[in-house]
Amino acid sequence: MNTTEQTIEVTPKALEKIREAFAREGLTDGRLRLGVVGGGCSGMSYSIRVDTRQRPNDHVFEFEGVRIVIDPKSMIYLNGLRLDYKESLIYSGFSFENPNAQRSCSCGTSFSA
């Protein structure tokens, strides 16, 4: 397990929605896996999913009992990330405020570094 200094931030609203997702899945020991994959209109897309396991080289962050795991390659692009949850008439979902993104698409789900 690779535990690092906390270099990401998760808002209270995002933590609430993550706990709701864990409850829907019936998980008492879940993790939220954040990552980056190639694709999207700006070159890279964010990946977010509920996971039940942790890999040996994952960076592990814990916020009020909620564990977030990020693989080492994705951590290069996600260092300093602020994960929030936004709700509006048009869009409800997680939002990524990434200081490493030099450009992002209008929907906020892809970026280039």
PDB file of N, CA and C in Angstrom:
ATOM      1  N   MET A   1       0.845  -1.173   0.000  1.00  0.00           N
ATOM      2  CA  MET A   1       0.000   0.000   0.000  1.00  0.00           C
ATOM      3  C   MET A   1       0.891   1.237   0.000  1.00  0.00           C
ATOM      4  N   ASN A   2       0.595   2.166  -0.880  1.00  0.00           N
ATOM      5  CA  ASN A   2       1.359   3.400  -0.989  1.00  0.00           C
ATOM      6  C   ASN A   2       0.511   4.544  -0.443  1.00  0.00           C
ATOM      7  N   THR A   3       0.752   4.945   0.782  1.00  0.00           N
ATOM      8  CA  THR A   3       0.006   6.038   1.389  1.00  0.00           C
ATOM      9  C   THR A   3       0.830   7.307   1.254  1.00  0.00           C
ATOM     10  N   THR A   4       0.225   8.344   0.703  1.00  0.00           N
ATOM     11  CA  THR A   4       0.942   9.583   0.458  1.00  0.00           C
ATOM     12  C   THR A   4       0.330  10.704   1.267  1.00  0.00           C
ATOM     13  N   GLU A   5       1.028  11.834   1.274  1.00  0.00           N
ATOM     14  CA  GLU A   5       0.416  13.027   1.847  1.00  0.00           C
ATOM     15  C   GLU A   5      -0.840  13.327   1.051  1.00  0.00           C
ATOM     16  N   GLN A   6      -1.812  13.946   1.698  1.00  0.00           N
ATOM     17  CA  GLN A   6      -3.066  14.219   0.997  1.00  0.00           C
ATOM     18  C   GLN A   6      -2.846  15.303  -0.033  1.00  0.00           C
ATOM     19  N   THR A   7      -2.870  14.909  -1.291  1.00  0.00           N
ATOM     20  CA  THR A   7      -2.663  15.846  -2.379  1.00  0.00           C
ATOM     21  C   THR A   7      -3.913  15.989  -3.237  1.00  0.00           C
ATOM     22  N   ILE A   8      -5.031  15.481  -2.723  1.00  0.00           N
ATOM     23  CA  ILE A   8      -6.308  15.736  -3.364  1.00  0.00           C
ATOM     24  C   ILE A   8      -7.259  16.249  -2.292  1.00  0.00           C
ATOM     25  N   GLU A   9      -8.330  16.889  -2.730  1.00  0.00           N
ATOM     26  CA  GLU A   9      -9.346  17.401  -1.810  1.00  0.00           C
ATOM     27  C   GLU A   9     -10.699  16.852  -2.250  1.00  0.00           C
ATOM     28  N   VAL A  10     -11.529  16.512  -1.295  1.00  0.00           N
ATOM     29  CA  VAL A  10     -12.880  16.030  -1.569  1.00  0.00           C
ATOM     30  C   VAL A  10     -13.837  16.859  -0.721  1.00  0.00           C
ATOM     31  N   THR A  11     -14.817  17.471  -1.372  1.00  0.00           N
ATOM     32  CA  THR A  11     -15.753  18.334  -0.649  1.00  0.00           C
ATOM     33  C   THR A  11     -16.748  17.511   0.160  1.00  0.00           C
ATOM     34  N   PRO A  12     -17.372  18.118   1.154  1.00  0.00           N
ATOM     35  CA  PRO A  12     -18.399  17.410   1.935  1.00  0.00           C
ATOM     36  C   PRO A  12     -19.540  16.871   1.071  1.00  0.00           C
ATOM     37  N   LYS A  13     -19.963  17.625   0.060  1.00  0.00           N
ATOM     38  CA  LYS A  13     -21.048  17.170  -0.819  1.00  0.00           C
ATOM     39  C   LYS A  13     -20.616  15.927  -1.604  1.00  0.00           C
ATOM     40  N   ALA A  14     -19.371  15.906  -2.078  1.00  0.00           N
ATOM     41  CA  ALA A  14     -18.859  14.738  -2.797  1.00  0.00           C
ATOM     42  C   ALA A  14     -18.780  13.527  -1.870  1.00  0.00           C
ATOM     43  N   LEU A  15     -18.329  13.745  -0.633  1.00  0.00           N
ATOM     44  CA  LEU A  15     -18.275  12.643   0.335  1.00  0.00           C
ATOM     45  C   LEU A  15     -19.653  12.058   0.577  1.00  0.00           C
ATOM     46  N   GLU A  16     -20.648  12.918   0.686  1.00  0.00           N
ATOM     47  CA  GLU A  16     -22.035  12.465   0.884  1.00  0.00           C
ATOM     48  C   GLU A  16     -22.483  11.585  -0.278  1.00  0.00           C
ATOM     49  N   LYS A  17     -22.198  11.994  -1.513  1.00  0.00           N
ATOM     50  CA  LYS A  17     -22.614  11.232  -2.695  1.00  0.00           C
ATOM     51  C   LYS A  17     -21.829   9.927  -2.820  1.00  0.00           C
ATOM     52  N   ILE A  18     -20.578   9.924  -2.409  1.00  0.00           N
ATOM     53  CA  ILE A  18     -19.789   8.686  -2.430  1.00  0.00           C
ATOM     54  C   ILE A  18     -20.373   7.692  -1.434  1.00  0.00           C
ATOM     55  N   ARG A  19     -20.710   8.166  -0.232  1.00  0.00           N
ATOM     56  CA  ARG A  19     -21.331   7.277   0.763  1.00  0.00           C
ATOM     57  C   ARG A  19     -22.654   6.712   0.252  1.00  0.00           C
ATOM     58  N   GLU A  20     -23.438   7.537  -0.445  1.00  0.00           N
ATOM     59  CA  GLU A  20     -24.697   7.061  -1.019  1.00  0.00           C
ATOM     60  C   GLU A  20     -24.443   5.966  -2.053  1.00  0.00           C
ATOM     61  N   ALA A  21     -23.414   6.139  -2.869  1.00  0.00           N
ATOM     62  CA  ALA A  21     -23.071   5.125  -3.871  1.00  0.00           C
ATOM     63  C   ALA A  21     -22.652   3.820  -3.199  1.00  0.00           C
ATOM     64  N   PHE A  22     -21.850   3.908  -2.149  1.00  0.00           N
ATOM     65  CA  PHE A  22     -21.452   2.713  -1.416  1.00  0.00           C
ATOM     66  C   PHE A  22     -22.679   2.013  -0.830  1.00  0.00           C
ATOM     67  N   ALA A  23     -23.603   2.783  -0.268  1.00  0.00           N
ATOM     68  CA  ALA A  23     -24.813   2.206   0.330  1.00  0.00           C
ATOM     69  C   ALA A  23     -25.654   1.501  -0.739  1.00  0.00           C
ATOM     70  N   ARG A  24     -25.799   2.112  -1.923  1.00  0.00           N
ATOM     71  CA  ARG A  24     -26.559   1.489  -3.020  1.00  0.00           C
ATOM     72  C   ARG A  24     -25.941   0.162  -3.426  1.00  0.00           C
ATOM     73  N   GLU A  25     -24.611   0.090  -3.365  1.00  0.00           N
ATOM     74  CA  GLU A  25     -23.890  -1.136  -3.729  1.00  0.00           C
ATOM     75  C   GLU A  25     -23.833  -2.132  -2.576  1.00  0.00           C
ATOM     76  N   GLY A  26     -24.298  -1.733  -1.398  1.00  0.00           N
ATOM     77  CA  GLY A  26     -24.247  -2.598  -0.235  1.00  0.00           C
ATOM     78  C   GLY A  26     -22.838  -2.783   0.310  1.00  0.00           C
ATOM     79  N   LEU A  27     -21.980  -1.788   0.102  1.00  0.00           N
ATOM     80  CA  LEU A  27     -20.580  -1.898   0.520  1.00  0.00           C
ATOM     81  C   LEU A  27     -20.349  -1.256   1.876  1.00  0.00           C
ATOM     82  N   THR A  28     -19.668  -1.977   2.731  1.00  0.00           N
ATOM     83  CA  THR A  28     -19.243  -1.405   4.003  1.00  0.00           C
ATOM     84  C   THR A  28     -17.739  -1.142   3.988  1.00  0.00           C
ATOM     85  N   ASP A  29     -17.045  -1.699   2.986  1.00  0.00           N
ATOM     86  CA  ASP A  29     -15.602  -1.534   2.883  1.00  0.00           C
ATOM     87  C   ASP A  29     -15.220  -1.164   1.450  1.00  0.00           C
ATOM     88  N   GLY A  30     -15.934  -0.200   0.882  1.00  0.00           N
ATOM     89  CA  GLY A  30     -15.672   0.182  -0.503  1.00  0.00           C
ATOM     90  C   GLY A  30     -14.638   1.280  -0.632  1.00  0.00           C
ATOM     91  N   ARG A  31     -14.217   1.471  -1.862  1.00  0.00           N
ATOM     92  CA  ARG A  31     -13.276   2.531  -2.205  1.00  0.00           C
ATOM     93  C   ARG A  31     -13.786   3.207  -3.472  1.00  0.00           C
ATOM     94  N   LEU A  32     -13.489   4.469  -3.606  1.00  0.00           N
ATOM     95  CA  LEU A  32     -13.772   5.156  -4.853  1.00  0.00           C
ATOM     96  C   LEU A  32     -12.466   5.220  -5.620  1.00  0.00           C
ATOM     97  N   ARG A  33     -12.473   4.642  -6.816  1.00  0.00           N
ATOM     98  CA  ARG A  33     -11.264   4.640  -7.636  1.00  0.00           C
ATOM     99  C   ARG A  33     -11.359   5.776  -8.643  1.00  0.00           C
ATOM    100  N   LEU A  34     -10.377   6.690  -8.580  1.00  0.00           N
ATOM    101  CA  LEU A  34     -10.258   7.770  -9.548  1.00  0.00           C
ATOM    102  C   LEU A  34      -9.108   7.448 -10.478  1.00  0.00           C
ATOM    103  N   GLY A  35      -9.253   7.811 -11.739  1.00  0.00           N
ATOM    104  CA  GLY A  35      -8.184   7.561 -12.693  1.00  0.00           C
ATOM    105  C   GLY A  35      -8.314   8.447 -13.906  1.00  0.00           C
ATOM    106  N   VAL A  36      -7.379   8.252 -14.800  1.00  0.00           N
ATOM    107  CA  VAL A  36      -7.337   8.975 -16.061  1.00  0.00           C
ATOM    108  C   VAL A  36      -7.168   7.948 -17.164  1.00  0.00           C
ATOM    109  N   VAL A  37      -7.940   8.091 -18.232  1.00  0.00           N
ATOM    110  CA  VAL A  37      -7.829   7.213 -19.388  1.00  0.00           C
ATOM    111  C   VAL A  37      -7.717   8.073 -20.640  1.00  0.00           C
ATOM    112  N   GLY A  38      -7.094   7.532 -21.675  1.00  0.00           N
ATOM    113  CA  GLY A  38      -6.993   8.249 -22.941  1.00  0.00           C
ATOM    114  C   GLY A  38      -8.352   8.349 -23.592  1.00  0.00           C
ATOM    115  N   GLY A  39      -8.623   9.480 -24.216  1.00  0.00           N
ATOM    116  CA  GLY A  39      -9.881   9.667 -24.927  1.00  0.00           C
ATOM    117  C   GLY A  39     -10.583  10.938 -24.512  1.00  0.00           C
ATOM    118  N   GLY A  40     -11.753  11.126 -25.037  1.00  0.00           N
ATOM    119  CA  GLY A  40     -12.501  12.345 -24.754  1.00  0.00           C
ATOM    120  C   GLY A  40     -12.121  13.429 -25.741  1.00  0.00           C
ATOM    121  N   CYS A  41     -12.859  14.501 -25.742  1.00  0.00           N
ATOM    122  CA  CYS A  41     -12.627  15.547 -26.739  1.00  0.00           C
ATOM    123  C   CYS A  41     -11.381  16.374 -26.472  1.00  0.00           C
ATOM    124  N   SER A  42     -10.786  16.271 -25.295  1.00  0.00           N
ATOM    125  CA  SER A  42      -9.565  17.028 -25.015  1.00  0.00           C
ATOM    126  C   SER A  42      -8.324  16.154 -24.861  1.00  0.00           C
ATOM    127  N   GLY A  43      -8.446  14.850 -25.017  1.00  0.00           N
ATOM    128  CA  GLY A  43      -7.276  13.970 -24.973  1.00  0.00           C
ATOM    129  C   GLY A  43      -7.275  12.951 -23.860  1.00  0.00           C
ATOM    130  N   MET A  44      -7.704  13.343 -22.649  1.00  0.00           N
ATOM    131  CA  MET A  44      -7.778  12.415 -21.523  1.00  0.00           C
ATOM    132  C   MET A  44      -9.116  12.595 -20.826  1.00  0.00           C
ATOM    133  N   SER A  45      -9.653  11.501 -20.309  1.00  0.00           N
ATOM    134  CA  SER A  45     -10.927  11.544 -19.599  1.00  0.00           C
ATOM    135  C   SER A  45     -10.737  11.049 -18.166  1.00  0.00           C
ATOM    136  N   TYR A  46     -11.588  11.557 -17.300  1.00  0.00           N
ATOM    137  CA  TYR A  46     -11.573  11.104 -15.914  1.00  0.00           C
ATOM    138  C   TYR A  46     -12.338   9.794 -15.811  1.00  0.00           C
ATOM    139  N   SER A  47     -11.842   8.925 -14.969  1.00  0.00           N
ATOM    140  CA  SER A  47     -12.494   7.655 -14.682  1.00  0.00           C
ATOM    141  C   SER A  47     -12.846   7.659 -13.196  1.00  0.00           C
ATOM    142  N   ILE A  48     -14.071   7.278 -12.889  1.00  0.00           N
ATOM    143  CA  ILE A  48     -14.507   7.229 -11.496  1.00  0.00           C
ATOM    144  C   ILE A  48     -15.418   6.021 -11.340  1.00  0.00           C
ATOM    145  N   ARG A  49     -15.114   5.192 -10.344  1.00  0.00           N
ATOM    146  CA  ARG A  49     -15.943   4.006 -10.117  1.00  0.00           C
ATOM    147  C   ARG A  49     -15.766   3.506  -8.691  1.00  0.00           C
ATOM    148  N   VAL A  50     -16.742   2.765  -8.250  1.00  0.00           N
ATOM    149  CA  VAL A  50     -16.684   2.116  -6.947  1.00  0.00           C
ATOM    150  C   VAL A  50     -15.846   0.854  -7.111  1.00  0.00           C
ATOM    151  N   ASP A  51     -14.965   0.602  -6.171  1.00  0.00           N
ATOM    152  CA  ASP A  51     -14.088  -0.564  -6.234  1.00  0.00           C
ATOM    153  C   ASP A  51     -14.064  -1.228  -4.863  1.00  0.00           C
ATOM    154  N   THR A  52     -13.888  -2.532  -4.853  1.00  0.00           N
ATOM    155  CA  THR A  52     -13.849  -3.254  -3.582  1.00  0.00           C
ATOM    156  C   THR A  52     -12.437  -3.655  -3.186  1.00  0.00           C
ATOM    157  N   ARG A  53     -11.480  -3.378  -4.058  1.00  0.00           N
ATOM    158  CA  ARG A  53     -10.119  -3.786  -3.721  1.00  0.00           C
ATOM    159  C   ARG A  53      -9.134  -2.650  -3.973  1.00  0.00           C
ATOM    160  N   GLN A  54      -8.006  -2.836  -3.395  1.00  0.00           N
ATOM    161  CA  GLN A  54      -6.929  -1.864  -3.493  1.00  0.00           C
ATOM    162  C   GLN A  54      -5.714  -2.571  -4.058  1.00  0.00           C
ATOM    163  N   ARG A  55      -5.038  -1.948  -4.998  1.00  0.00           N
ATOM    164  CA  ARG A  55      -3.836  -2.533  -5.591  1.00  0.00           C
ATOM    165  C   ARG A  55      -2.606  -2.126  -4.768  1.00  0.00           C
ATOM    166  N   PRO A  56      -1.558  -2.931  -4.818  1.00  0.00           N
ATOM    167  CA  PRO A  56      -0.378  -2.660  -3.982  1.00  0.00           C
ATOM    168  C   PRO A  56       0.247  -1.273  -4.173  1.00  0.00           C
ATOM    169  N   ASN A  57       0.234  -0.722  -5.387  1.00  0.00           N
ATOM    170  CA  ASN A  57       0.896   0.559  -5.638  1.00  0.00           C
ATOM    171  C   ASN A  57      -0.054   1.759  -5.626  1.00  0.00           C
ATOM    172  N   ASP A  58      -1.318   1.535  -5.295  1.00  0.00           N
ATOM    173  CA  ASP A  58      -2.285   2.633  -5.262  1.00  0.00           C
ATOM    174  C   ASP A  58      -1.891   3.709  -4.264  1.00  0.00           C
ATOM    175  N   HIS A  59      -2.180   4.939  -4.612  1.00  0.00           N
ATOM    176  CA  HIS A  59      -2.111   6.039  -3.653  1.00  0.00           C
ATOM    177  C   HIS A  59      -3.449   6.019  -2.932  1.00  0.00           C
ATOM    178  N   VAL A  60      -3.422   6.059  -1.618  1.00  0.00           N
ATOM    179  CA  VAL A  60      -4.636   5.925  -0.816  1.00  0.00           C
ATOM    180  C   VAL A  60      -4.857   7.211  -0.027  1.00  0.00           C
ATOM    181  N   PHE A  61      -6.063   7.738  -0.120  1.00  0.00           N
ATOM    182  CA  PHE A  61      -6.448   8.940   0.612  1.00  0.00           C
ATOM    183  C   PHE A  61      -7.703   8.609   1.396  1.00  0.00           C
ATOM    184  N   GLU A  62      -7.778   9.079   2.620  1.00  0.00           N
ATOM    185  CA  GLU A  62      -8.965   8.820   3.434  1.00  0.00           C
ATOM    186  C   GLU A  62      -9.534  10.140   3.946  1.00  0.00           C
ATOM    187  N   PHE A  63     -10.834  10.295   3.738  1.00  0.00           N
ATOM    188  CA  PHE A  63     -11.560  11.483   4.166  1.00  0.00           C
ATOM    189  C   PHE A  63     -12.778  11.034   4.963  1.00  0.00           C
ATOM    190  N   GLU A  64     -12.740  11.249   6.257  1.00  0.00           N
ATOM    191  CA  GLU A  64     -13.874  10.916   7.130  1.00  0.00           C
ATOM    192  C   GLU A  64     -14.366   9.492   6.886  1.00  0.00           C
ATOM    193  N   GLY A  65     -13.439   8.558   6.786  1.00  0.00           N
ATOM    194  CA  GLY A  65     -13.781   7.157   6.608  1.00  0.00           C
ATOM    195  C   GLY A  65     -14.008   6.715   5.173  1.00  0.00           C
ATOM    196  N   VAL A  66     -13.983   7.637   4.218  1.00  0.00           N
ATOM    197  CA  VAL A  66     -14.149   7.303   2.802  1.00  0.00           C
ATOM    198  C   VAL A  66     -12.756   7.200   2.180  1.00  0.00           C
ATOM    199  N   ARG A  67     -12.480   6.038   1.589  1.00  0.00           N
ATOM    200  CA  ARG A  67     -11.178   5.835   0.963  1.00  0.00           C
ATOM    201  C   ARG A  67     -11.250   6.086  -0.546  1.00  0.00           C
ATOM    202  N   ILE A  68     -10.296   6.878  -1.019  1.00  0.00           N
ATOM    203  CA  ILE A  68     -10.139   7.163  -2.441  1.00  0.00           C
ATOM    204  C   ILE A  68      -8.816   6.539  -2.856  1.00  0.00           C
ATOM    205  N   VAL A  69      -8.818   5.777  -3.958  1.00  0.00           N
ATOM    206  CA  VAL A  69      -7.585   5.168  -4.444  1.00  0.00           C
ATOM    207  C   VAL A  69      -7.306   5.643  -5.865  1.00  0.00           C
ATOM    208  N   ILE A  70      -6.020   5.877  -6.148  1.00  0.00           N
ATOM    209  CA  ILE A  70      -5.591   6.360  -7.458  1.00  0.00           C
ATOM    210  C   ILE A  70      -4.332   5.597  -7.846  1.00  0.00           C
ATOM    211  N   ASP A  71      -4.313   5.062  -9.062  1.00  0.00           N
ATOM    212  CA  ASP A  71      -3.120   4.343  -9.522  1.00  0.00           C
ATOM    213  C   ASP A  71      -1.985   5.341  -9.774  1.00  0.00           C
ATOM    214  N   PRO A  72      -0.730   4.877  -9.718  1.00  0.00           N
ATOM    215  CA  PRO A  72       0.424   5.783  -9.842  1.00  0.00           C
ATOM    216  C   PRO A  72       0.453   6.611 -11.126  1.00  0.00           C
ATOM    217  N   LYS A  73       0.088   6.024 -12.271  1.00  0.00           N
ATOM    218  CA  LYS A  73       0.119   6.776 -13.532  1.00  0.00           C
ATOM    219  C   LYS A  73      -0.924   7.891 -13.527  1.00  0.00           C
ATOM    220  N   SER A  74      -2.106   7.599 -13.017  1.00  0.00           N
ATOM    221  CA  SER A  74      -3.153   8.623 -12.962  1.00  0.00           C
ATOM    222  C   SER A  74      -2.803   9.722 -11.970  1.00  0.00           C
ATOM    223  N   MET A  75      -2.084   9.358 -10.906  1.00  0.00           N
ATOM    224  CA  MET A  75      -1.736  10.334  -9.872  1.00  0.00           C
ATOM    225  C   MET A  75      -0.918  11.486 -10.444  1.00  0.00           C
ATOM    226  N   ILE A  76      -0.132  11.212 -11.473  1.00  0.00           N
ATOM    227  CA  ILE A  76       0.654  12.266 -12.125  1.00  0.00           C
ATOM    228  C   ILE A  76      -0.267  13.386 -12.599  1.00  0.00           C
ATOM    229  N   TYR A  77      -1.440  13.020 -13.115  1.00  0.00           N
ATOM    230  CA  TYR A  77      -2.380  13.994 -13.674  1.00  0.00           C
ATOM    231  C   TYR A  77      -3.396  14.500 -12.653  1.00  0.00           C
ATOM    232  N   LEU A  78      -3.566  13.772 -11.546  1.00  0.00           N
ATOM    233  CA  LEU A  78      -4.600  14.132 -10.573  1.00  0.00           C
ATOM    234  C   LEU A  78      -4.063  14.782  -9.305  1.00  0.00           C
ATOM    235  N   ASN A  79      -2.767  14.933  -9.192  1.00  0.00           N
ATOM    236  CA  ASN A  79      -2.182  15.557  -8.013  1.00  0.00           C
ATOM    237  C   ASN A  79      -2.747  16.975  -7.840  1.00  0.00           C
ATOM    238  N   GLY A  80      -3.321  17.260  -6.697  1.00  0.00           N
ATOM    239  CA  GLY A  80      -3.908  18.573  -6.430  1.00  0.00           C
ATOM    240  C   GLY A  80      -5.375  18.682  -6.811  1.00  0.00           C
ATOM    241  N   LEU A  81      -5.965  17.600  -7.277  1.00  0.00           N
ATOM    242  CA  LEU A  81      -7.364  17.587  -7.707  1.00  0.00           C
ATOM    243  C   LEU A  81      -8.319  17.949  -6.571  1.00  0.00           C
ATOM    244  N   ARG A  82      -9.381  18.658  -6.910  1.00  0.00           N
ATOM    245  CA  ARG A  82     -10.487  18.911  -5.981  1.00  0.00           C
ATOM    246  C   ARG A  82     -11.720  18.247  -6.580  1.00  0.00           C
ATOM    247  N   LEU A  83     -12.242  17.236  -5.879  1.00  0.00           N
ATOM    248  CA  LEU A  83     -13.433  16.522  -6.320  1.00  0.00           C
ATOM    249  C   LEU A  83     -14.642  17.104  -5.606  1.00  0.00           C
ATOM    250  N   ASP A  84     -15.618  17.519  -6.379  1.00  0.00           N
ATOM    251  CA  ASP A  84     -16.831  18.123  -5.831  1.00  0.00           C
ATOM    252  C   ASP A  84     -18.030  17.420  -6.456  1.00  0.00           C
ATOM    253  N   TYR A  85     -19.206  17.743  -5.974  1.00  0.00           N
ATOM    254  CA  TYR A  85     -20.441  17.240  -6.562  1.00  0.00           C
ATOM    255  C   TYR A  85     -21.335  18.441  -6.793  1.00  0.00           C
ATOM    256  N   LYS A  86     -21.775  18.614  -8.031  1.00  0.00           N
ATOM    257  CA  LYS A  86     -22.598  19.761  -8.412  1.00  0.00           C
ATOM    258  C   LYS A  86     -23.991  19.285  -8.797  1.00  0.00           C
ATOM    259  N   GLU A  87     -24.979  20.085  -8.438  1.00  0.00           N
ATOM    260  CA  GLU A  87     -26.361  19.788  -8.821  1.00  0.00           C
ATOM    261  C   GLU A  87     -26.981  21.046  -9.399  1.00  0.00           C
ATOM    262  N   SER A  88     -27.569  20.906 -10.575  1.00  0.00           N
ATOM    263  CA  SER A  88     -28.287  22.005 -11.204  1.00  0.00           C
ATOM    264  C   SER A  88     -29.446  21.428 -11.999  1.00  0.00           C
ATOM    265  N   LEU A  89     -30.193  22.283 -12.656  1.00  0.00           N
ATOM    266  CA  LEU A  89     -31.303  21.808 -13.479  1.00  0.00           C
ATOM    267  C   LEU A  89     -30.817  20.994 -14.675  1.00  0.00           C
ATOM    268  N   ILE A  90     -29.630  21.298 -15.155  1.00  0.00           N
ATOM    269  CA  ILE A  90     -29.117  20.665 -16.357  1.00  0.00           C
ATOM    270  C   ILE A  90     -28.185  19.496 -16.064  1.00  0.00           C
ATOM    271  N   TYR A  91     -27.430  19.583 -14.979  1.00  0.00           N
ATOM    272  CA  TYR A  91     -26.388  18.590 -14.716  1.00  0.00           C
ATOM    273  C   TYR A  91     -26.295  18.287 -13.231  1.00  0.00           C
ATOM    274  N   SER A  92     -26.162  17.025 -12.912  1.00  0.00           N
ATOM    275  CA  SER A  92     -25.854  16.584 -11.554  1.00  0.00           C
ATOM    276  C   SER A  92     -24.765  15.536 -11.664  1.00  0.00           C
ATOM    277  N   GLY A  93     -23.687  15.740 -10.940  1.00  0.00           N
ATOM    278  CA  GLY A  93     -22.613  14.760 -10.965  1.00  0.00           C
ATOM    279  C   GLY A  93     -21.338  15.316 -10.372  1.00  0.00           C
ATOM    280  N   PHE A  94     -20.343  14.453 -10.345  1.00  0.00           N
ATOM    281  CA  PHE A  94     -19.054  14.845  -9.809  1.00  0.00           C
ATOM    282  C   PHE A  94     -18.388  15.837 -10.745  1.00  0.00           C
ATOM    283  N   SER A  95     -17.690  16.797 -10.160  1.00  0.00           N
ATOM    284  CA  SER A  95     -16.919  17.746 -10.963  1.00  0.00           C
ATOM    285  C   SER A  95     -15.469  17.687 -10.509  1.00  0.00           C
ATOM    286  N   PHE A  96     -14.592  17.863 -11.465  1.00  0.00           N
ATOM    287  CA  PHE A  96     -13.157  17.755 -11.241  1.00  0.00           C
ATOM    288  C   PHE A  96     -12.524  19.120 -11.453  1.00  0.00           C
ATOM    289  N   GLU A  97     -11.921  19.651 -10.404  1.00  0.00           N
ATOM    290  CA  GLU A  97     -11.164  20.893 -10.518  1.00  0.00           C
ATOM    291  C   GLU A  97      -9.700  20.494 -10.448  1.00  0.00           C
ATOM    292  N   ASN A  98      -9.078  20.456 -11.616  1.00  0.00           N
ATOM    293  CA  ASN A  98      -7.744  19.877 -11.747  1.00  0.00           C
ATOM    294  C   ASN A  98      -6.720  20.951 -12.113  1.00  0.00           C
ATOM    295  N   PRO A  99      -5.784  21.247 -11.212  1.00  0.00           N
ATOM    296  CA  PRO A  99      -4.771  22.262 -11.517  1.00  0.00           C
ATOM    297  C   PRO A  99      -3.792  21.829 -12.609  1.00  0.00           C
ATOM    298  N   ASN A 100      -3.777  20.549 -12.961  1.00  0.00           N
ATOM    299  CA  ASN A 100      -2.880  20.041 -14.003  1.00  0.00           C
ATOM    300  C   ASN A 100      -3.476  20.143 -15.394  1.00  0.00           C
ATOM    301  N   ALA A 101      -4.753  20.449 -15.483  1.00  0.00           N
ATOM    302  CA  ALA A 101      -5.423  20.537 -16.782  1.00  0.00           C
ATOM    303  C   ALA A 101      -5.101  21.874 -17.430  1.00  0.00           C
ATOM    304  N   GLN A 102      -4.451  21.813 -18.578  1.00  0.00           N
ATOM    305  CA  GLN A 102      -4.153  23.034 -19.312  1.00  0.00           C
ATOM    306  C   GLN A 102      -5.352  23.468 -20.133  1.00  0.00           C
ATOM    307  N   ARG A 103      -6.160  22.500 -20.516  1.00  0.00           N
ATOM    308  CA  ARG A 103      -7.358  22.765 -21.305  1.00  0.00           C
ATOM    309  C   ARG A 103      -8.370  21.678 -20.983  1.00  0.00           C
ATOM    310  N   SER A 104      -9.640  22.028 -20.919  1.00  0.00           N
ATOM    311  CA  SER A 104     -10.666  21.010 -20.695  1.00  0.00           C
ATOM    312  C   SER A 104     -11.831  21.272 -21.628  1.00  0.00           C
ATOM    313  N   CYS A 105     -12.639  20.235 -21.816  1.00  0.00           N
ATOM    314  CA  CYS A 105     -13.800  20.385 -22.685  1.00  0.00           C
ATOM    315  C   CYS A 105     -14.908  21.105 -21.922  1.00  0.00           C
ATOM    316  N   SER A 106     -15.937  21.500 -22.627  1.00  0.00           N
ATOM    317  CA  SER A 106     -17.018  22.262 -21.994  1.00  0.00           C
ATOM    318  C   SER A 106     -17.810  21.435 -20.988  1.00  0.00           C
ATOM    319  N   CYS A 107     -17.856  20.134 -21.160  1.00  0.00           N
ATOM    320  CA  CYS A 107     -18.609  19.313 -20.206  1.00  0.00           C
ATOM    321  C   CYS A 107     -17.801  18.999 -18.947  1.00  0.00           C
ATOM    322  N   GLY A 108     -16.475  19.231 -19.000  1.00  0.00           N
ATOM    323  CA  GLY A 108     -15.635  19.040 -17.817  1.00  0.00           C
ATOM    324  C   GLY A 108     -15.217  17.609 -17.541  1.00  0.00           C
ATOM    325  N   THR A 109     -15.465  16.702 -18.480  1.00  0.00           N
ATOM    326  CA  THR A 109     -15.097  15.298 -18.244  1.00  0.00           C
ATOM    327  C   THR A 109     -13.817  14.890 -18.934  1.00  0.00           C
ATOM    328  N   SER A 110     -13.259  15.755 -19.767  1.00  0.00           N
ATOM    329  CA  SER A 110     -11.972  15.444 -20.376  1.00  0.00           C
ATOM    330  C   SER A 110     -11.075  16.676 -20.340  1.00  0.00           C
ATOM    331  N   PHE A 111      -9.765  16.422 -20.469  1.00  0.00           N
ATOM    332  CA  PHE A 111      -8.801  17.507 -20.347  1.00  0.00           C
ATOM    333  C   PHE A 111      -7.511  17.136 -21.064  1.00  0.00           C
ATOM    334  N   SER A 112      -6.647  18.112 -21.203  1.00  0.00           N
ATOM    335  CA  SER A 112      -5.282  17.855 -21.681  1.00  0.00           C
ATOM    336  C   SER A 112      -4.337  18.484 -20.673  1.00  0.00           C
ATOM    337  N   ALA A 113      -3.195  17.844 -20.518  1.00  0.00           N
ATOM    338  CA  ALA A 113      -2.207  18.332 -19.542  1.00  0.00           C
ATOM    339  C   ALA A 113      -0.956  18.799 -20.247  1.00  0.00           C
TER     340      ALA A 113
END
